[in-house]
Amino acid sequence: MRSLKASSLLVLACALLCSAELLAQSSTIAPRIVSNVDESSRTTLTGNVPHLARAEFDQGEADAATQLTNMRLVLSRSAAQQSALDSYLAQLQDKSSPNYHKWLTPQQFGQLYGPADSDIAALVGWLESQGFTVEPVSLGRTNIAFSGSVSQVEAAFHTSIHSYQTADIQFYSNTTDPQIPAALAGVVMGVAHLNTIPPKPHSVRGTPD
């Protein structure tokens, strides 16, 4: 019984030590948004127009009041964070490593490999200043979800939203790559779901023999 109690205390001590180490590491994350957001100084996020948003399917401008949901700012990591993450992922599979199968919770992942608190606050503040409704930030800090109208999206990201019709689906989409203030570019690598194209299923139902 004493042995079991001692083992439990040892596990608890290790957990507290790991938590303390984690908090120490996360507190050293340097902010990457270090200048004021200037709407007149912008950068283009390339590769954010879906291939289906083509001229032959274009039905013209979308209604300005149309609501778009589940849009996301996709967040990037610093070079140092990406290097540390690559190393950690390799150690997870290395049986000789003390990190072998030592999985992180989403919150721990976000604290170690996500943007600094001040960066998150700056991004949320900018989205809200554009009139968007912002969802609680995911624990992993990989993206920030928001929603708003077509007119808000067009004004915030300096793009146009059109309606498209293919043989199979009708959807809305941005016609050009979105732009964001240059001050935010060090933390944002893209904007996901500026379109309403339904996702493709990961599996296809077979037919019986």
Protein backbone atom coordinates (compact mmCIF):
# COMPACT_ATOMS: atom_id res chain seq x y z
CA MET A 1 0.00 0.00 0.00
CA ARG A 2 2.85 2.37 0.91
CA SER A 3 4.55 1.48 -2.38
CA LEU A 4 1.39 2.33 -4.31
CA LYS A 5 1.04 5.65 -2.46
CA ALA A 6 4.68 6.51 -3.11
CA SER A 7 4.26 5.72 -6.80
CA SER A 8 1.20 7.97 -6.98
CA LEU A 9 3.10 10.81 -5.32
CA LEU A 10 5.98 10.31 -7.75
CA VAL A 11 3.61 10.50 -10.73
CA LEU A 12 2.02 13.65 -9.30
CA ALA A 13 5.43 15.23 -8.71
CA CYS A 14 6.50 14.43 -12.28
CA ALA A 15 3.26 15.90 -13.61
CA LEU A 16 3.78 19.10 -11.61
CA LEU A 17 7.38 19.31 -12.79
CA CYS A 18 6.33 18.86 -16.43
CA SER A 19 3.62 21.50 -16.01
CA ALA A 20 6.10 23.95 -14.51
CA GLU A 21 8.57 23.28 -17.31
CA LEU A 22 5.82 23.72 -19.90
CA LEU A 23 4.73 27.06 -18.44
CA ALA A 24 8.33 28.23 -18.34
CA GLN A 25 8.78 27.38 -22.01
CA SER A 26 5.47 28.95 -23.08
CA SER A 27 6.30 32.20 -21.26
CA THR A 28 9.33 32.63 -23.51
CA ILE A 29 7.28 32.73 -26.74
CA ALA A 30 8.14 36.02 -28.39
CA PRO A 31 5.35 38.11 -29.92
CA ARG A 32 5.50 38.39 -33.70
CA ILE A 33 2.99 41.22 -34.05
CA VAL A 34 5.14 44.09 -32.88
CA SER A 35 3.86 47.08 -34.87
CA ASN A 36 0.54 48.89 -35.09
CA VAL A 37 -2.00 47.54 -37.54
CA ASP A 38 -1.99 49.88 -40.53
CA GLU A 39 -4.84 49.15 -42.95
CA SER A 40 -3.02 51.00 -45.74
CA SER A 41 -0.03 48.63 -45.59
CA ARG A 42 -1.18 45.20 -46.73
CA THR A 43 0.13 41.84 -47.85
CA THR A 44 -1.53 39.24 -50.09
CA LEU A 45 -2.02 35.67 -48.85
CA THR A 46 -1.41 33.65 -51.99
CA GLY A 47 -2.94 30.27 -52.76
CA ASN A 48 -6.29 31.02 -51.10
CA VAL A 49 -8.60 30.84 -54.13
CA PRO A 50 -10.23 27.41 -54.71
CA HIS A 51 -9.80 25.84 -58.14
CA LEU A 52 -13.58 25.69 -58.62
CA ALA A 53 -13.86 29.48 -58.48
CA ARG A 54 -13.47 29.75 -62.26
CA ALA A 55 -14.96 32.15 -64.78
CA GLU A 56 -17.15 29.52 -66.45
CA PHE A 57 -18.99 28.91 -63.17
CA ASP A 58 -19.23 32.58 -62.08
CA GLN A 59 -22.80 33.83 -61.55
CA GLY A 60 -21.82 37.33 -60.43
CA GLU A 61 -21.48 39.18 -57.14
CA ALA A 62 -22.97 37.62 -54.01
CA ASP A 63 -25.59 39.50 -52.02
CA ALA A 64 -23.78 41.78 -49.56
CA ALA A 65 -25.95 40.59 -46.66
CA THR A 66 -25.23 36.88 -47.20
CA GLN A 67 -23.73 35.41 -44.03
CA LEU A 68 -20.55 33.34 -44.18
CA THR A 69 -19.66 31.10 -41.24
CA ASN A 70 -16.78 28.92 -40.09
CA MET A 71 -14.14 31.11 -41.75
CA ARG A 72 -10.72 30.75 -40.13
CA LEU A 73 -7.47 32.61 -39.88
CA VAL A 74 -4.88 29.84 -40.22
CA LEU A 75 -1.99 30.62 -37.88
CA SER A 76 1.69 29.99 -38.51
CA ARG A 77 4.57 29.05 -36.21
CA SER A 78 7.87 30.81 -35.85
CA ALA A 79 10.90 29.07 -37.36
CA ALA A 80 12.09 28.16 -33.85
CA GLN A 81 8.70 26.69 -32.94
CA GLN A 82 8.53 24.64 -36.13
CA SER A 83 12.03 23.28 -35.53
CA ALA A 84 11.13 22.37 -31.95
CA LEU A 85 7.90 20.71 -33.09
CA ASP A 86 9.70 18.67 -35.75
CA SER A 87 12.16 17.49 -33.12
CA TYR A 88 9.38 16.63 -30.66
CA LEU A 89 7.46 14.64 -33.28
CA ALA A 90 10.59 12.61 -34.05
CA GLN A 91 11.14 11.97 -30.34
CA LEU A 92 7.56 10.73 -29.93
CA GLN A 93 8.46 7.73 -32.10
CA ASP A 94 11.98 7.20 -30.70
CA LYS A 95 11.93 4.53 -27.96
CA SER A 96 15.23 5.81 -26.59
CA SER A 97 13.84 9.32 -26.10
CA PRO A 98 12.37 10.48 -22.77
CA ASN A 99 9.54 11.95 -24.89
CA TYR A 100 8.62 8.59 -26.43
CA HIS A 101 4.80 8.48 -26.57
CA LYS A 102 4.63 11.46 -24.20
CA TRP A 103 1.61 13.09 -25.82
CA LEU A 104 0.63 16.71 -25.28
CA THR A 105 -2.85 17.97 -24.52
CA PRO A 106 -4.30 20.53 -26.97
CA GLN A 107 -3.67 23.26 -24.38
CA GLN A 108 -0.04 22.24 -23.94
CA PHE A 109 0.42 22.11 -27.71
CA GLY A 110 -0.98 25.62 -28.05
CA GLN A 111 1.18 26.96 -25.25
CA LEU A 112 4.35 25.55 -26.79
CA TYR A 113 3.74 25.88 -30.51
CA GLY A 114 1.04 28.53 -30.88
CA PRO A 115 1.33 32.33 -31.12
CA ALA A 116 1.96 34.45 -28.05
CA ASP A 117 -1.03 35.69 -26.04
CA SER A 118 -0.52 39.21 -27.33
CA ASP A 119 -0.54 37.97 -30.94
CA ILE A 120 -3.84 36.15 -30.38
CA ALA A 121 -5.31 39.26 -28.75
CA ALA A 122 -4.18 41.43 -31.68
CA LEU A 123 -5.75 39.08 -34.25
CA VAL A 124 -9.02 38.79 -32.36
CA GLY A 125 -9.09 42.56 -31.91
CA TRP A 126 -8.57 43.14 -35.63
CA LEU A 127 -11.32 40.69 -36.62
CA GLU A 128 -13.75 42.29 -34.18
CA SER A 129 -12.85 45.77 -35.44
CA GLN A 130 -13.96 44.59 -38.90
CA GLY A 131 -17.37 43.61 -37.51
CA PHE A 132 -16.83 39.84 -37.38
CA THR A 133 -18.14 37.54 -34.69
CA VAL A 134 -15.14 35.63 -33.31
CA GLU A 135 -15.41 32.17 -31.77
CA PRO A 136 -13.40 31.17 -28.68
CA VAL A 137 -9.84 30.45 -29.81
CA SER A 138 -9.05 26.74 -30.10
CA LEU A 139 -6.83 25.34 -27.33
CA GLY A 140 -4.26 24.23 -29.90
CA ARG A 141 -4.00 27.80 -31.24
CA THR A 142 -3.77 26.65 -34.84
CA ASN A 143 -6.62 28.85 -36.10
CA ILE A 144 -9.19 31.48 -35.16
CA ALA A 145 -12.78 30.92 -36.32
CA PHE A 146 -15.05 33.83 -37.21
CA SER A 147 -18.20 34.67 -39.15
CA GLY A 148 -19.69 37.68 -40.88
CA SER A 149 -21.42 39.04 -43.94
CA VAL A 150 -20.16 39.12 -47.51
CA SER A 151 -19.75 42.89 -47.31
CA GLN A 152 -17.61 42.57 -44.16
CA VAL A 153 -15.41 39.93 -45.78
CA GLU A 154 -14.92 42.04 -48.90
CA ALA A 155 -13.99 45.12 -46.89
CA ALA A 156 -11.68 43.33 -44.44
CA PHE A 157 -9.81 41.16 -46.95
CA HIS A 158 -9.97 43.39 -50.04
CA THR A 159 -11.48 40.70 -52.24
CA SER A 160 -14.82 40.07 -53.95
CA ILE A 161 -17.25 37.29 -53.09
CA HIS A 162 -19.16 35.81 -56.03
CA SER A 163 -21.79 33.14 -56.45
CA TYR A 164 -20.77 30.08 -58.48
CA GLN A 165 -22.75 27.24 -60.02
CA THR A 166 -21.25 24.01 -61.29
CA ALA A 167 -23.12 20.98 -62.60
CA ASP A 168 -23.26 19.64 -59.04
CA ILE A 169 -23.14 22.48 -56.51
CA GLN A 170 -23.86 26.13 -55.89
CA PHE A 171 -21.42 27.97 -53.66
CA TYR A 172 -19.94 31.33 -52.74
CA SER A 173 -16.23 32.07 -52.99
CA ASN A 174 -13.64 34.79 -53.02
CA THR A 175 -12.47 35.66 -56.53
CA THR A 176 -8.95 36.80 -55.60
CA ASP A 177 -6.44 36.05 -52.86
CA PRO A 178 -7.30 37.85 -49.61
CA GLN A 179 -5.18 40.66 -48.20
CA ILE A 180 -4.47 41.42 -44.54
CA PRO A 181 -2.58 44.22 -42.81
CA ALA A 182 1.16 43.59 -43.14
CA ALA A 183 1.58 43.80 -39.36
CA LEU A 184 -0.38 40.53 -39.01
CA ALA A 185 1.41 38.60 -41.74
CA GLY A 186 4.03 37.08 -39.44
CA VAL A 187 1.32 35.07 -37.66
CA VAL A 188 -1.29 34.43 -40.37
CA MET A 189 -0.48 32.14 -43.28
CA GLY A 190 -3.94 31.92 -44.83
CA VAL A 191 -7.69 32.32 -44.55
CA ALA A 192 -9.66 29.10 -44.77
CA HIS A 193 -13.31 28.71 -45.76
CA LEU A 194 -13.78 32.01 -47.54
CA ASN A 195 -15.94 29.77 -49.70
CA THR A 196 -18.91 27.51 -49.05
CA ILE A 197 -17.72 24.57 -51.14
CA PRO A 198 -18.81 21.42 -49.29
CA PRO A 199 -15.95 19.14 -48.25
CA LYS A 200 -15.44 15.94 -50.17
CA PRO A 201 -16.22 12.71 -48.27
CA HIS A 202 -13.18 10.78 -47.08
CA SER A 203 -14.79 7.47 -47.98
CA VAL A 204 -17.04 6.24 -50.75
CA ARG A 205 -19.78 3.70 -50.13
CA GLY A 206 -19.24 0.59 -52.19
CA THR A 207 -21.89 -1.24 -54.15
CA PRO A 208 -22.93 -4.74 -53.14
CA ASP A 209 -21.73 -7.60 -55.33
